[in-house]
Protein backbone atom coordinates (compact mmCIF):
# COMPACT_ATOMS: atom_id res chain seq x y z
CA MET A 1 0.00 0.00 0.00
CA SER A 2 1.20 3.44 -0.79
CA PRO A 3 1.06 6.01 1.95
CA VAL A 4 -1.77 8.49 1.64
CA ARG A 5 -0.67 12.10 1.60
CA GLU A 6 -2.76 14.75 3.16
CA PRO A 7 -4.02 17.56 0.89
CA SER A 8 -2.03 20.14 2.87
CA THR A 9 1.20 18.26 2.06
CA ASP A 10 0.36 18.29 -1.65
CA LEU A 11 -0.44 21.99 -1.46
CA ALA A 12 2.83 22.73 0.32
CA LEU A 13 4.74 20.76 -2.33
CA LEU A 14 2.97 22.65 -5.12
CA LYS A 15 3.75 25.99 -3.44
CA LEU A 16 7.41 25.00 -3.10
CA ARG A 17 7.67 24.03 -6.78
CA HIS A 18 5.87 27.23 -7.78
CA ASN A 19 8.22 29.39 -5.70
CA LYS A 20 11.28 27.66 -7.18
CA ALA A 21 9.97 28.28 -10.70
CA LEU A 22 9.31 31.95 -9.89
CA ASP A 23 12.81 32.31 -8.41
CA LYS A 24 14.32 30.86 -11.59
CA LEU A 25 12.28 33.23 -13.77
CA GLU A 26 13.29 36.21 -11.62
CA GLN A 27 16.96 35.24 -11.82
CA ASP A 28 16.72 34.87 -15.61
CA ARG A 29 15.11 38.31 -15.86
CA ALA A 30 17.81 39.83 -13.65
CA ASP A 31 20.53 38.23 -15.80
CA ARG A 32 18.97 39.61 -19.00
CA GLU A 33 18.70 43.07 -17.42
CA LEU A 34 22.34 42.99 -16.37
CA LEU A 35 23.44 42.02 -19.88
CA GLU A 36 21.40 44.88 -21.36
CA ARG A 37 22.99 47.35 -18.93
CA LEU A 38 26.45 46.07 -19.85
CA LYS A 39 25.68 46.46 -23.58
CA LEU A 40 24.45 50.00 -22.98
CA ALA A 41 27.53 50.91 -20.93
CA ARG A 42 29.84 49.43 -23.58
CA ARG A 43 28.06 51.39 -26.33
CA GLY A 44 28.34 54.59 -24.30
CA GLN A 45 32.05 54.05 -23.80
CA TRP A 46 32.59 53.57 -27.52
CA LEU A 47 30.57 56.68 -28.36
CA GLY A 48 32.51 58.69 -25.77
CA PHE A 49 35.80 57.44 -27.17
CA ALA A 50 34.74 58.24 -30.75
CA SER A 51 33.64 61.77 -29.84
CA LEU A 52 36.89 62.36 -27.93
CA MET A 53 38.90 61.22 -30.96
CA LEU A 54 36.84 63.50 -33.22
CA ILE A 55 37.49 66.48 -30.95
CA LEU A 56 41.20 65.69 -30.70
CA GLY A 57 41.44 65.29 -34.50
CA THR A 58 39.75 68.65 -34.98
CA VAL A 59 42.06 70.29 -32.43
CA VAL A 60 45.18 68.85 -34.07
CA LEU A 61 44.00 69.94 -37.51
CA LEU A 62 43.25 73.46 -36.27
CA ALA A 63 46.58 73.69 -34.45
CA MET A 64 48.53 72.49 -37.51
CA THR A 65 46.87 75.09 -39.72
CA GLY A 66 47.83 77.91 -37.36
CA HIS A 67 44.54 78.41 -35.52
CA ASP A 68 45.88 77.89 -32.02
CA LEU A 69 43.24 79.94 -30.19
CA VAL A 70 40.38 78.23 -32.03
CA ALA A 71 41.97 74.83 -31.29
CA ALA A 72 42.09 75.68 -27.59
CA ALA A 73 38.52 76.99 -27.72
CA VAL A 74 37.37 73.67 -29.18
CA ALA A 75 39.57 71.42 -27.01
CA VAL A 76 38.88 72.76 -23.54
CA PRO A 77 35.05 72.72 -23.52
CA GLY A 78 34.92 69.50 -25.53
CA VAL A 79 37.18 67.55 -23.20
CA ILE A 80 35.53 69.03 -20.11
CA ALA A 81 32.10 68.05 -21.45
CA ILE A 82 33.10 64.46 -22.21
CA VAL A 83 34.86 63.96 -18.88
CA GLY A 84 31.94 65.61 -17.09
CA VAL A 85 29.43 63.27 -18.71
CA PHE A 86 31.40 60.21 -17.66
CA VAL A 87 31.98 61.43 -14.09
CA THR A 88 28.43 62.65 -13.42
CA GLY A 89 26.94 59.68 -15.25
CA GLN A 90 28.61 57.38 -12.73
CA MET A 91 27.74 59.54 -9.74
CA LYS A 92 24.05 60.06 -10.58
CA MET A 93 23.18 56.45 -11.47
CA PRO A 94 20.08 55.39 -9.51
CA ALA A 95 20.74 52.85 -6.78
CA SER A 96 18.19 50.49 -8.33
CA LEU A 97 20.39 50.20 -11.44
CA LEU A 98 23.61 49.47 -9.61
CA PRO A 99 24.56 45.78 -9.64
CA GLY A 100 24.45 44.04 -6.29
CA ARG A 101 21.89 46.40 -4.77
CA VAL A 102 18.77 44.89 -3.25
CA ASN A 103 15.54 46.72 -2.67
CA LYS A 104 15.14 46.48 1.11
CA SER A 105 11.35 46.46 1.01
CA ALA A 106 11.34 43.64 -1.54
CA ALA A 107 13.90 41.67 0.48
CA ALA A 108 11.84 41.99 3.65
CA GLN A 109 8.59 41.00 1.93
CA PRO A 110 9.12 37.20 1.83
CA ALA A 111 9.87 37.17 5.57
CA THR A 112 6.55 38.88 6.34
CA GLU A 113 4.66 36.55 4.00
CA SER A 114 6.04 33.42 5.63
CA ALA A 115 5.20 34.82 9.06
CA THR A 116 1.57 35.31 8.08
CA ASN A 117 1.18 31.82 6.53
């Protein structure tokens, strides 16, 4: 004879399997989001590098043709703008987008749910 399981045991097993499936889906979503953020950061770095090279090429061309003041007028604001974008872009990133950060209210939620069940 096979042992008879109580309905509450079956329900608990179903809840456990459901929670594991949801955890896997959440982890997959988080992995995809991280990859997208990395792609975006990589693209931004390439665009920043390309614009810096364009500014430096323009400055060199202007300096070689004898337009030293115009070269300086292009170089200083251009380099300051590019460096400023990179520095403030890193400083103003929302905490929710930083890797390794956990929303404290979301982390505390499962503990309160299990306490009420």
